[in-house]
Amino acid sequence: MIQGNINIPLLSGAYYISDMDESGDPSYYGFIQESGFWRILEINTANSTFRYAVGSNAYTTNWGNRTYLEYDYYDKV
């Protein structure tokens, strides 16, 4: 669970939180832009890591497959 004041960089443009899955570790948070671009944030508490997956369409499909996506550092996606 995200607690406290955490600044989550999502790059330019307005991204809106759409989904969250805090059922295990890692946790996942899905964000969408009106244009269809999306980001999924993976927070792994055991490893103390924040990683991102990005795309330009098919958010619903990718959210459903979130545990199989490739996540990387913010500056690499």
N, C-alpha and C. Protein backbone atom coordinates (compact mmCIF):
# COMPACT_ATOMS: atom_id res chain seq x y z
N MET A 1 0.84 -1.17 0.00
CA MET A 1 0.00 0.00 0.00
C MET A 1 0.89 1.24 0.00
N ILE A 2 0.53 2.22 -0.81
CA ILE A 2 1.26 3.47 -0.82
C ILE A 2 0.82 4.28 0.39
N GLN A 3 1.78 4.67 1.21
CA GLN A 3 1.48 5.46 2.39
C GLN A 3 2.41 6.66 2.44
N GLY A 4 1.96 7.72 3.07
CA GLY A 4 2.81 8.90 3.23
C GLY A 4 2.86 9.71 1.96
N ASN A 5 3.84 10.57 1.89
CA ASN A 5 4.00 11.47 0.73
C ASN A 5 5.03 10.89 -0.22
N ILE A 6 4.55 10.25 -1.26
CA ILE A 6 5.43 9.67 -2.27
C ILE A 6 5.15 10.35 -3.59
N ASN A 7 6.18 10.89 -4.22
CA ASN A 7 6.04 11.51 -5.53
C ASN A 7 6.31 10.45 -6.58
N ILE A 8 5.29 10.09 -7.34
CA ILE A 8 5.41 9.06 -8.36
C ILE A 8 5.50 9.73 -9.72
N PRO A 9 6.68 9.78 -10.33
CA PRO A 9 6.81 10.44 -11.62
C PRO A 9 6.14 9.65 -12.73
N LEU A 10 5.30 10.31 -13.49
CA LEU A 10 4.60 9.65 -14.59
C LEU A 10 4.85 10.36 -15.92
N LEU A 11 5.85 11.19 -15.97
CA LEU A 11 6.21 11.97 -17.15
C LEU A 11 5.17 13.04 -17.42
N SER A 12 5.26 13.65 -18.58
CA SER A 12 4.38 14.78 -18.89
C SER A 12 2.97 14.30 -19.22
N GLY A 13 2.05 15.22 -19.13
CA GLY A 13 0.66 14.90 -19.42
C GLY A 13 -0.05 14.38 -18.19
N ALA A 14 -1.35 14.46 -18.22
CA ALA A 14 -2.14 14.03 -17.07
C ALA A 14 -2.44 12.54 -17.17
N TYR A 15 -1.97 11.79 -16.20
CA TYR A 15 -2.30 10.38 -16.07
C TYR A 15 -3.24 10.25 -14.89
N TYR A 16 -4.24 9.41 -15.04
CA TYR A 16 -5.24 9.22 -14.00
C TYR A 16 -5.17 7.80 -13.48
N ILE A 17 -5.20 7.66 -12.16
CA ILE A 17 -5.18 6.33 -11.57
C ILE A 17 -6.45 5.59 -11.98
N SER A 18 -6.29 4.38 -12.43
CA SER A 18 -7.43 3.60 -12.92
C SER A 18 -7.62 2.29 -12.19
N ASP A 19 -6.52 1.66 -11.80
CA ASP A 19 -6.60 0.36 -11.13
C ASP A 19 -5.48 0.24 -10.12
N MET A 20 -5.72 -0.60 -9.12
CA MET A 20 -4.65 -0.95 -8.20
C MET A 20 -4.85 -2.38 -7.73
N ASP A 21 -3.73 -3.04 -7.52
CA ASP A 21 -3.72 -4.41 -7.03
C ASP A 21 -2.69 -4.47 -5.90
N GLU A 22 -3.21 -4.50 -4.68
CA GLU A 22 -2.34 -4.56 -3.51
C GLU A 22 -2.48 -5.91 -2.81
N SER A 23 -2.84 -6.93 -3.58
CA SER A 23 -3.11 -8.25 -3.00
C SER A 23 -1.85 -9.01 -2.63
N GLY A 24 -0.71 -8.56 -3.09
CA GLY A 24 0.54 -9.25 -2.79
C GLY A 24 1.72 -8.32 -2.97
N ASP A 25 2.89 -8.90 -3.00
CA ASP A 25 4.11 -8.14 -3.25
C ASP A 25 4.78 -8.77 -4.47
N PRO A 26 4.86 -8.05 -5.57
CA PRO A 26 4.69 -6.61 -5.70
C PRO A 26 3.23 -6.16 -5.81
N SER A 27 3.04 -4.86 -5.58
CA SER A 27 1.76 -4.19 -5.81
C SER A 27 1.81 -3.51 -7.16
N TYR A 28 0.65 -3.30 -7.76
CA TYR A 28 0.58 -2.68 -9.08
C TYR A 28 -0.43 -1.54 -9.07
N TYR A 29 -0.10 -0.46 -9.80
CA TYR A 29 -0.97 0.70 -9.93
C TYR A 29 -1.02 1.09 -11.40
N GLY A 30 -2.23 1.16 -11.96
CA GLY A 30 -2.40 1.47 -13.37
C GLY A 30 -2.88 2.89 -13.58
N PHE A 31 -2.24 3.58 -14.52
CA PHE A 31 -2.56 4.97 -14.85
C PHE A 31 -2.82 5.10 -16.34
N ILE A 32 -3.81 5.92 -16.72
CA ILE A 32 -4.16 6.12 -18.13
C ILE A 32 -4.26 7.60 -18.44
N GLN A 33 -3.83 7.96 -19.67
CA GLN A 33 -4.07 9.29 -20.21
C GLN A 33 -5.31 9.24 -21.08
N GLU A 34 -5.94 10.38 -21.28
CA GLU A 34 -7.12 10.42 -22.16
C GLU A 34 -6.79 9.97 -23.57
N SER A 35 -5.56 10.15 -23.99
CA SER A 35 -5.13 9.77 -25.34
C SER A 35 -4.96 8.25 -25.51
N GLY A 36 -5.00 7.51 -24.40
CA GLY A 36 -4.84 6.06 -24.47
C GLY A 36 -3.49 5.57 -23.98
N PHE A 37 -2.52 6.47 -23.84
CA PHE A 37 -1.23 6.06 -23.28
C PHE A 37 -1.43 5.62 -21.84
N TRP A 38 -0.66 4.64 -21.40
CA TRP A 38 -0.81 4.12 -20.05
C TRP A 38 0.54 3.83 -19.43
N ARG A 39 0.53 3.73 -18.12
CA ARG A 39 1.70 3.32 -17.34
C ARG A 39 1.20 2.42 -16.22
N ILE A 40 1.97 1.39 -15.95
CA ILE A 40 1.70 0.56 -14.78
C ILE A 40 2.94 0.61 -13.91
N LEU A 41 2.73 0.97 -12.67
CA LEU A 41 3.80 1.06 -11.68
C LEU A 41 3.79 -0.21 -10.85
N GLU A 42 4.96 -0.83 -10.76
CA GLU A 42 5.13 -2.03 -9.93
C GLU A 42 5.98 -1.63 -8.73
N ILE A 43 5.44 -1.83 -7.53
CA ILE A 43 6.19 -1.54 -6.31
C ILE A 43 6.48 -2.86 -5.61
N ASN A 44 7.76 -3.18 -5.52
CA ASN A 44 8.20 -4.41 -4.88
C ASN A 44 8.79 -4.04 -3.52
N THR A 45 8.03 -4.28 -2.47
CA THR A 45 8.48 -3.90 -1.13
C THR A 45 9.64 -4.75 -0.67
N ALA A 46 9.64 -6.02 -1.00
CA ALA A 46 10.72 -6.91 -0.56
C ALA A 46 12.07 -6.45 -1.11
N ASN A 47 12.07 -5.93 -2.34
CA ASN A 47 13.31 -5.47 -2.98
C ASN A 47 13.50 -3.96 -2.89
N SER A 48 12.50 -3.26 -2.34
CA SER A 48 12.51 -1.79 -2.27
C SER A 48 12.70 -1.16 -3.64
N THR A 49 11.91 -1.64 -4.64
CA THR A 49 12.04 -1.12 -6.00
C THR A 49 10.72 -0.59 -6.53
N PHE A 50 10.85 0.41 -7.39
CA PHE A 50 9.74 0.97 -8.15
C PHE A 50 10.11 0.80 -9.62
N ARG A 51 9.29 0.09 -10.40
CA ARG A 51 9.57 -0.13 -11.82
C ARG A 51 8.30 0.18 -12.62
N TYR A 52 8.49 0.46 -13.91
CA TYR A 52 7.40 0.93 -14.76
C TYR A 52 7.30 0.11 -16.04
N ALA A 53 6.07 -0.05 -16.51
CA ALA A 53 5.79 -0.57 -17.85
C ALA A 53 4.92 0.50 -18.52
N VAL A 54 5.10 0.68 -19.83
CA VAL A 54 4.37 1.74 -20.55
C VAL A 54 3.80 1.19 -21.85
N GLY A 55 2.78 1.88 -22.35
CA GLY A 55 2.21 1.52 -23.63
C GLY A 55 1.35 2.64 -24.17
N SER A 56 0.88 2.46 -25.40
CA SER A 56 0.10 3.51 -26.06
C SER A 56 -1.34 3.09 -26.35
N ASN A 57 -1.67 1.82 -26.09
CA ASN A 57 -3.05 1.35 -26.29
C ASN A 57 -3.24 0.03 -25.55
N ALA A 58 -4.45 -0.49 -25.58
CA ALA A 58 -4.79 -1.79 -24.99
C ALA A 58 -4.49 -1.86 -23.48
N TYR A 59 -4.83 -0.78 -22.78
CA TYR A 59 -4.57 -0.76 -21.33
C TYR A 59 -5.24 -1.93 -20.62
N THR A 60 -6.51 -2.18 -20.91
CA THR A 60 -7.26 -3.22 -20.20
C THR A 60 -6.59 -4.58 -20.36
N THR A 61 -6.16 -4.90 -21.56
CA THR A 61 -5.45 -6.16 -21.81
C THR A 61 -4.16 -6.21 -21.03
N ASN A 62 -3.40 -5.13 -21.07
CA ASN A 62 -2.12 -5.10 -20.37
C ASN A 62 -2.29 -5.12 -18.86
N TRP A 63 -3.32 -4.46 -18.35
CA TRP A 63 -3.58 -4.54 -16.91
C TRP A 63 -3.86 -5.99 -16.52
N GLY A 64 -4.62 -6.69 -17.32
CA GLY A 64 -4.90 -8.09 -17.05
C GLY A 64 -3.66 -8.96 -17.07
N ASN A 65 -2.66 -8.54 -17.83
CA ASN A 65 -1.40 -9.29 -17.95
C ASN A 65 -0.27 -8.63 -17.18
N ARG A 66 -0.59 -7.78 -16.22
CA ARG A 66 0.42 -6.95 -15.53
C ARG A 66 1.55 -7.75 -14.90
N THR A 67 1.27 -8.95 -14.43
CA THR A 67 2.33 -9.72 -13.78
C THR A 67 3.33 -10.29 -14.79
N TYR A 68 2.99 -10.24 -16.08
CA TYR A 68 3.87 -10.77 -17.13
C TYR A 68 4.57 -9.69 -17.94
N LEU A 69 4.25 -8.42 -17.68
CA LEU A 69 4.87 -7.33 -18.43
C LEU A 69 6.33 -7.16 -18.03
N GLU A 70 7.09 -6.50 -18.90
CA GLU A 70 8.48 -6.18 -18.59
C GLU A 70 8.53 -4.80 -17.95
N TYR A 71 9.07 -4.72 -16.75
CA TYR A 71 9.18 -3.48 -16.00
C TYR A 71 10.63 -3.05 -15.97
N ASP A 72 10.83 -1.73 -15.94
CA ASP A 72 12.20 -1.22 -15.91
C ASP A 72 12.23 0.09 -15.15
N TYR A 73 13.43 0.61 -15.00
CA TYR A 73 13.61 1.90 -14.33
C TYR A 73 12.86 3.00 -15.09
N TYR A 74 12.48 4.02 -14.38
CA TYR A 74 11.73 5.15 -14.92
C TYR A 74 12.40 5.76 -16.15
N ASP A 75 13.71 5.92 -16.10
CA ASP A 75 14.43 6.58 -17.20
C ASP A 75 14.71 5.63 -18.37
N LYS A 76 14.29 4.39 -18.27
CA LYS A 76 14.54 3.42 -19.35
C LYS A 76 13.28 3.03 -20.10
N VAL A 77 12.12 3.50 -19.63
CA VAL A 77 10.88 3.15 -20.34
C VAL A 77 10.41 4.28 -21.21
